[in-house]
Amino acid sequence: MSEVKIVRMSTGEDVISTVDKDSVGNYTMKKPFVIVPTQSAPGQPVKLMLTPYMPYADDDKITISADKVVTSVRPKKDILDSYNQNTSSILTPNKELISETKIPTL
């Protein structure tokens, strides 16, 4: 069953995606985005940004070997809502498309 997860890669990236695992534990990710923490200046709050994972690929699904995954967790509600908003195929007049998101500051 597909579920949106945040997957910590062995490279240190945190990837949010709809995830399926196969019989050997490999992860198939649909619409993956890297979560990038940003800070405009020292002492300023850290904000999170979503950026496409492998934006140059033509495939809409990416399979990651199980040995490249450190852990996977369910995202917090506000991060999940932002991911869903940015990956929805339903366009609404006030909706921003794939770009910086309105994920709350940490």
N, C-alpha and C. Protein backbone atom coordinates (compact mmCIF):
# COMPACT_ATOMS: atom_id res chain seq x y z
N MET A 1 0.83 -1.18 0.00
CA MET A 1 0.00 0.00 0.00
C MET A 1 0.89 1.25 0.00
N SER A 2 0.57 2.18 -0.86
CA SER A 2 1.33 3.43 -0.94
C SER A 2 1.03 4.32 0.25
N GLU A 3 2.08 4.99 0.70
CA GLU A 3 1.96 5.90 1.83
C GLU A 3 3.00 7.00 1.68
N VAL A 4 2.64 8.23 2.07
CA VAL A 4 3.61 9.32 2.01
C VAL A 4 4.53 9.18 3.22
N LYS A 5 5.84 9.15 2.93
CA LYS A 5 6.86 9.00 3.97
C LYS A 5 7.98 10.00 3.74
N ILE A 6 8.70 10.30 4.79
CA ILE A 6 9.98 11.00 4.67
C ILE A 6 11.04 9.92 4.83
N VAL A 7 11.89 9.81 3.82
CA VAL A 7 12.93 8.78 3.78
C VAL A 7 14.28 9.46 3.94
N ARG A 8 15.04 9.07 4.96
CA ARG A 8 16.41 9.57 5.15
C ARG A 8 17.33 8.66 4.35
N MET A 9 18.00 9.25 3.38
CA MET A 9 18.92 8.51 2.52
C MET A 9 20.30 8.40 3.19
N SER A 10 21.08 7.43 2.78
CA SER A 10 22.43 7.27 3.32
C SER A 10 23.31 8.46 2.97
N THR A 11 22.91 9.25 1.97
CA THR A 11 23.65 10.45 1.58
C THR A 11 23.29 11.66 2.45
N GLY A 12 22.31 11.49 3.35
CA GLY A 12 21.91 12.57 4.24
C GLY A 12 20.68 13.34 3.78
N GLU A 13 20.20 13.08 2.57
CA GLU A 13 19.02 13.78 2.07
C GLU A 13 17.77 13.24 2.74
N ASP A 14 16.82 14.13 3.02
CA ASP A 14 15.50 13.73 3.47
C ASP A 14 14.57 13.90 2.29
N VAL A 15 13.96 12.80 1.83
CA VAL A 15 13.10 12.82 0.65
C VAL A 15 11.69 12.49 1.08
N ILE A 16 10.73 13.35 0.70
CA ILE A 16 9.32 13.08 0.97
C ILE A 16 8.70 12.60 -0.33
N SER A 17 7.90 11.55 -0.22
CA SER A 17 7.36 10.92 -1.42
C SER A 17 6.25 9.95 -1.05
N THR A 18 5.46 9.61 -2.07
CA THR A 18 4.58 8.47 -1.95
C THR A 18 5.46 7.24 -2.15
N VAL A 19 5.45 6.32 -1.19
CA VAL A 19 6.40 5.21 -1.18
C VAL A 19 5.69 3.87 -1.21
N ASP A 20 6.24 2.97 -2.02
CA ASP A 20 5.87 1.55 -2.01
C ASP A 20 7.15 0.77 -1.80
N LYS A 21 7.07 -0.32 -1.05
CA LYS A 21 8.24 -1.19 -0.87
C LYS A 21 7.95 -2.50 -1.58
N ASP A 22 8.99 -3.03 -2.27
CA ASP A 22 8.81 -4.31 -2.95
C ASP A 22 9.17 -5.46 -2.01
N SER A 23 9.14 -6.67 -2.53
CA SER A 23 9.33 -7.86 -1.68
C SER A 23 10.74 -7.95 -1.08
N VAL A 24 11.71 -7.28 -1.66
CA VAL A 24 13.07 -7.30 -1.09
C VAL A 24 13.39 -6.03 -0.32
N GLY A 25 12.42 -5.14 -0.18
CA GLY A 25 12.60 -3.94 0.64
C GLY A 25 13.00 -2.69 -0.10
N ASN A 26 13.18 -2.76 -1.43
CA ASN A 26 13.51 -1.57 -2.20
C ASN A 26 12.33 -0.60 -2.17
N TYR A 27 12.65 0.69 -2.25
CA TYR A 27 11.64 1.74 -2.18
C TYR A 27 11.36 2.29 -3.57
N THR A 28 10.09 2.30 -3.97
CA THR A 28 9.69 2.97 -5.20
C THR A 28 9.01 4.26 -4.77
N MET A 29 9.58 5.38 -5.21
CA MET A 29 9.09 6.70 -4.81
C MET A 29 8.41 7.37 -5.99
N LYS A 30 7.20 7.86 -5.74
CA LYS A 30 6.46 8.59 -6.76
C LYS A 30 6.38 10.05 -6.33
N LYS A 31 6.73 10.96 -7.23
CA LYS A 31 6.75 12.40 -6.97
C LYS A 31 7.64 12.75 -5.77
N PRO A 32 8.91 12.33 -5.82
CA PRO A 32 9.80 12.61 -4.69
C PRO A 32 10.31 14.05 -4.67
N PHE A 33 10.40 14.60 -3.47
CA PHE A 33 10.95 15.94 -3.25
C PHE A 33 11.95 15.87 -2.11
N VAL A 34 13.04 16.60 -2.24
CA VAL A 34 14.02 16.72 -1.17
C VAL A 34 13.57 17.86 -0.25
N ILE A 35 13.65 17.64 1.05
CA ILE A 35 13.34 18.69 2.02
C ILE A 35 14.65 19.41 2.32
N VAL A 36 14.67 20.71 2.03
CA VAL A 36 15.89 21.49 2.19
C VAL A 36 15.67 22.55 3.27
N PRO A 37 16.40 22.47 4.40
CA PRO A 37 16.30 23.53 5.40
C PRO A 37 17.09 24.76 4.93
N THR A 38 16.50 25.93 5.09
CA THR A 38 17.18 27.16 4.69
C THR A 38 17.09 28.17 5.82
N GLN A 39 18.07 29.04 5.89
CA GLN A 39 18.10 30.10 6.90
C GLN A 39 18.64 31.35 6.22
N SER A 40 17.89 32.44 6.27
CA SER A 40 18.29 33.65 5.55
C SER A 40 19.49 34.34 6.18
N ALA A 41 19.65 34.23 7.48
CA ALA A 41 20.78 34.83 8.18
C ALA A 41 20.92 34.17 9.54
N PRO A 42 22.12 34.23 10.14
CA PRO A 42 22.28 33.66 11.48
C PRO A 42 21.27 34.26 12.46
N GLY A 43 20.69 33.41 13.27
CA GLY A 43 19.71 33.87 14.24
C GLY A 43 18.29 33.93 13.70
N GLN A 44 18.14 33.83 12.38
CA GLN A 44 16.81 33.82 11.77
C GLN A 44 16.23 32.41 11.84
N PRO A 45 14.90 32.30 11.78
CA PRO A 45 14.30 30.95 11.84
C PRO A 45 14.68 30.12 10.61
N VAL A 46 14.78 28.82 10.82
CA VAL A 46 15.03 27.90 9.73
C VAL A 46 13.69 27.60 9.06
N LYS A 47 13.69 27.69 7.73
CA LYS A 47 12.49 27.37 6.95
C LYS A 47 12.81 26.14 6.12
N LEU A 48 11.75 25.41 5.78
CA LEU A 48 11.92 24.23 4.95
C LEU A 48 11.40 24.51 3.55
N MET A 49 12.09 23.97 2.55
CA MET A 49 11.71 24.14 1.16
C MET A 49 11.67 22.76 0.52
N LEU A 50 10.72 22.54 -0.36
CA LEU A 50 10.67 21.30 -1.12
C LEU A 50 11.23 21.57 -2.52
N THR A 51 12.12 20.71 -2.95
CA THR A 51 12.65 20.82 -4.31
C THR A 51 12.60 19.43 -4.94
N PRO A 52 12.27 19.34 -6.22
CA PRO A 52 12.16 18.02 -6.84
C PRO A 52 13.45 17.21 -6.71
N TYR A 53 13.29 15.94 -6.44
CA TYR A 53 14.41 15.00 -6.38
C TYR A 53 14.63 14.48 -7.80
N MET A 54 15.82 14.63 -8.31
CA MET A 54 16.17 14.24 -9.68
C MET A 54 15.24 14.90 -10.71
N PRO A 55 15.20 16.24 -10.73
CA PRO A 55 14.27 16.95 -11.61
C PRO A 55 14.55 16.74 -13.09
N TYR A 56 15.71 16.26 -13.43
CA TYR A 56 16.09 16.04 -14.82
C TYR A 56 15.66 14.69 -15.35
N ALA A 57 15.08 13.84 -14.49
CA ALA A 57 14.62 12.52 -14.92
C ALA A 57 13.25 12.62 -15.58
N ASP A 58 13.03 11.78 -16.58
CA ASP A 58 11.75 11.75 -17.28
C ASP A 58 10.75 10.83 -16.57
N ASP A 59 11.25 9.95 -15.72
CA ASP A 59 10.39 9.00 -15.02
C ASP A 59 9.63 9.69 -13.90
N ASP A 60 8.40 9.23 -13.65
CA ASP A 60 7.65 9.80 -12.52
C ASP A 60 7.83 8.95 -11.26
N LYS A 61 8.52 7.80 -11.40
CA LYS A 61 8.83 6.95 -10.25
C LYS A 61 10.32 6.65 -10.24
N ILE A 62 10.88 6.59 -9.04
CA ILE A 62 12.30 6.29 -8.88
C ILE A 62 12.41 5.15 -7.87
N THR A 63 13.20 4.14 -8.20
CA THR A 63 13.40 3.03 -7.28
C THR A 63 14.75 3.19 -6.59
N ILE A 64 14.73 3.11 -5.26
CA ILE A 64 15.93 3.26 -4.43
C ILE A 64 16.21 1.92 -3.75
N SER A 65 17.43 1.49 -3.82
CA SER A 65 17.84 0.25 -3.17
C SER A 65 17.67 0.37 -1.66
N ALA A 66 17.19 -0.68 -1.03
CA ALA A 66 16.93 -0.68 0.41
C ALA A 66 18.17 -0.33 1.22
N ASP A 67 19.36 -0.70 0.73
CA ASP A 67 20.58 -0.42 1.49
C ASP A 67 20.98 1.05 1.45
N LYS A 68 20.30 1.86 0.67
CA LYS A 68 20.58 3.31 0.60
C LYS A 68 19.66 4.11 1.53
N VAL A 69 18.75 3.43 2.21
CA VAL A 69 17.79 4.08 3.10
C VAL A 69 18.19 3.83 4.54
N VAL A 70 18.31 4.93 5.30
CA VAL A 70 18.65 4.82 6.72
C VAL A 70 17.39 4.57 7.53
N THR A 71 16.34 5.34 7.27
CA THR A 71 15.08 5.19 7.99
C THR A 71 13.97 5.86 7.20
N SER A 72 12.73 5.56 7.57
CA SER A 72 11.59 6.26 6.99
C SER A 72 10.57 6.52 8.09
N VAL A 73 9.92 7.68 7.99
CA VAL A 73 8.95 8.10 9.02
C VAL A 73 7.75 8.75 8.35
N ARG A 74 6.65 8.81 9.09
CA ARG A 74 5.48 9.56 8.63
C ARG A 74 5.77 11.05 8.84
N PRO A 75 5.42 11.88 7.85
CA PRO A 75 5.67 13.32 8.01
C PRO A 75 4.67 13.95 8.96
N LYS A 76 5.08 15.06 9.59
CA LYS A 76 4.16 15.84 10.40
C LYS A 76 3.05 16.36 9.49
N LYS A 77 1.89 16.64 10.07
CA LYS A 77 0.72 17.03 9.29
C LYS A 77 0.97 18.24 8.40
N ASP A 78 1.63 19.28 8.92
CA ASP A 78 1.83 20.48 8.11
C ASP A 78 2.77 20.23 6.93
N ILE A 79 3.76 19.36 7.10
CA ILE A 79 4.66 19.01 6.00
C ILE A 79 3.92 18.15 4.98
N LEU A 80 3.12 17.21 5.47
CA LEU A 80 2.31 16.38 4.58
C LEU A 80 1.34 17.23 3.77
N ASP A 81 0.68 18.18 4.43
CA ASP A 81 -0.26 19.07 3.73
C ASP A 81 0.44 19.86 2.63
N SER A 82 1.63 20.36 2.91
CA SER A 82 2.39 21.12 1.92
C SER A 82 2.80 20.21 0.75
N TYR A 83 3.24 19.00 1.05
CA TYR A 83 3.60 18.05 -0.01
C TYR A 83 2.39 17.75 -0.88
N ASN A 84 1.26 17.46 -0.25
CA ASN A 84 0.04 17.15 -1.00
C ASN A 84 -0.39 18.33 -1.87
N GLN A 85 -0.27 19.53 -1.33
CA GLN A 85 -0.64 20.72 -2.09
C GLN A 85 0.25 20.88 -3.33
N ASN A 86 1.52 20.60 -3.18
CA ASN A 86 2.47 20.78 -4.27
C ASN A 86 2.48 19.64 -5.28
N THR A 87 1.88 18.52 -4.96
CA THR A 87 1.87 17.39 -5.89
C THR A 87 0.48 17.07 -6.41
N SER A 88 -0.53 17.81 -5.97
CA SER A 88 -1.89 17.56 -6.42
C SER A 88 -2.03 17.87 -7.90
N SER A 89 -2.83 17.07 -8.58
CA SER A 89 -3.07 17.33 -10.00
C SER A 89 -4.26 18.26 -10.19
N ILE A 90 -4.91 18.63 -9.10
CA ILE A 90 -6.03 19.56 -9.17
C ILE A 90 -5.48 20.96 -8.97
N LEU A 91 -5.68 21.82 -9.94
CA LEU A 91 -5.17 23.18 -9.85
C LEU A 91 -6.27 24.11 -9.34
N THR A 92 -5.91 24.92 -8.38
CA THR A 92 -6.84 25.91 -7.87
C THR A 92 -6.25 27.29 -8.10
N PRO A 93 -7.06 28.36 -8.20
CA PRO A 93 -6.55 29.67 -8.55
C PRO A 93 -5.47 30.22 -7.63
N ASN A 94 -5.50 29.94 -6.34
CA ASN A 94 -4.53 30.53 -5.41
C ASN A 94 -3.42 29.56 -5.04
N LYS A 95 -3.27 28.49 -5.77
CA LYS A 95 -2.31 27.46 -5.41
C LYS A 95 -0.97 27.70 -6.10
N GLU A 96 0.11 27.55 -5.33
CA GLU A 96 1.45 27.63 -5.90
C GLU A 96 1.84 26.24 -6.37
N LEU A 97 2.53 26.15 -7.49
CA LEU A 97 2.99 24.87 -7.98
C LEU A 97 4.38 24.58 -7.42
N ILE A 98 5.02 23.59 -7.95
CA ILE A 98 6.29 23.12 -7.42
C ILE A 98 7.28 24.28 -7.30
N SER A 99 7.51 24.70 -6.10
CA SER A 99 8.42 25.80 -5.79
C SER A 99 8.65 25.79 -4.29
N GLU A 100 9.13 26.89 -3.76
CA GLU A 100 9.26 26.95 -2.32
C GLU A 100 7.87 26.79 -1.72
N THR A 101 7.81 26.11 -0.62
CA THR A 101 6.51 25.83 -0.01
C THR A 101 6.33 26.63 1.27
N LYS A 102 5.15 26.56 1.79
CA LYS A 102 4.83 27.28 3.01
C LYS A 102 4.92 26.35 4.22
N ILE A 103 5.95 25.52 4.25
CA ILE A 103 6.17 24.66 5.40
C ILE A 103 6.60 25.55 6.56
N PRO A 104 6.07 25.30 7.74
CA PRO A 104 6.37 26.18 8.87
C PRO A 104 7.84 26.19 9.26
N THR A 105 8.24 27.23 9.92
CA THR A 105 9.61 27.33 10.40
C THR A 105 9.80 26.40 11.59
N LEU A 106 11.03 25.98 11.81
CA LEU A 106 11.35 25.09 12.94
C LEU A 106 11.63 25.91 14.18
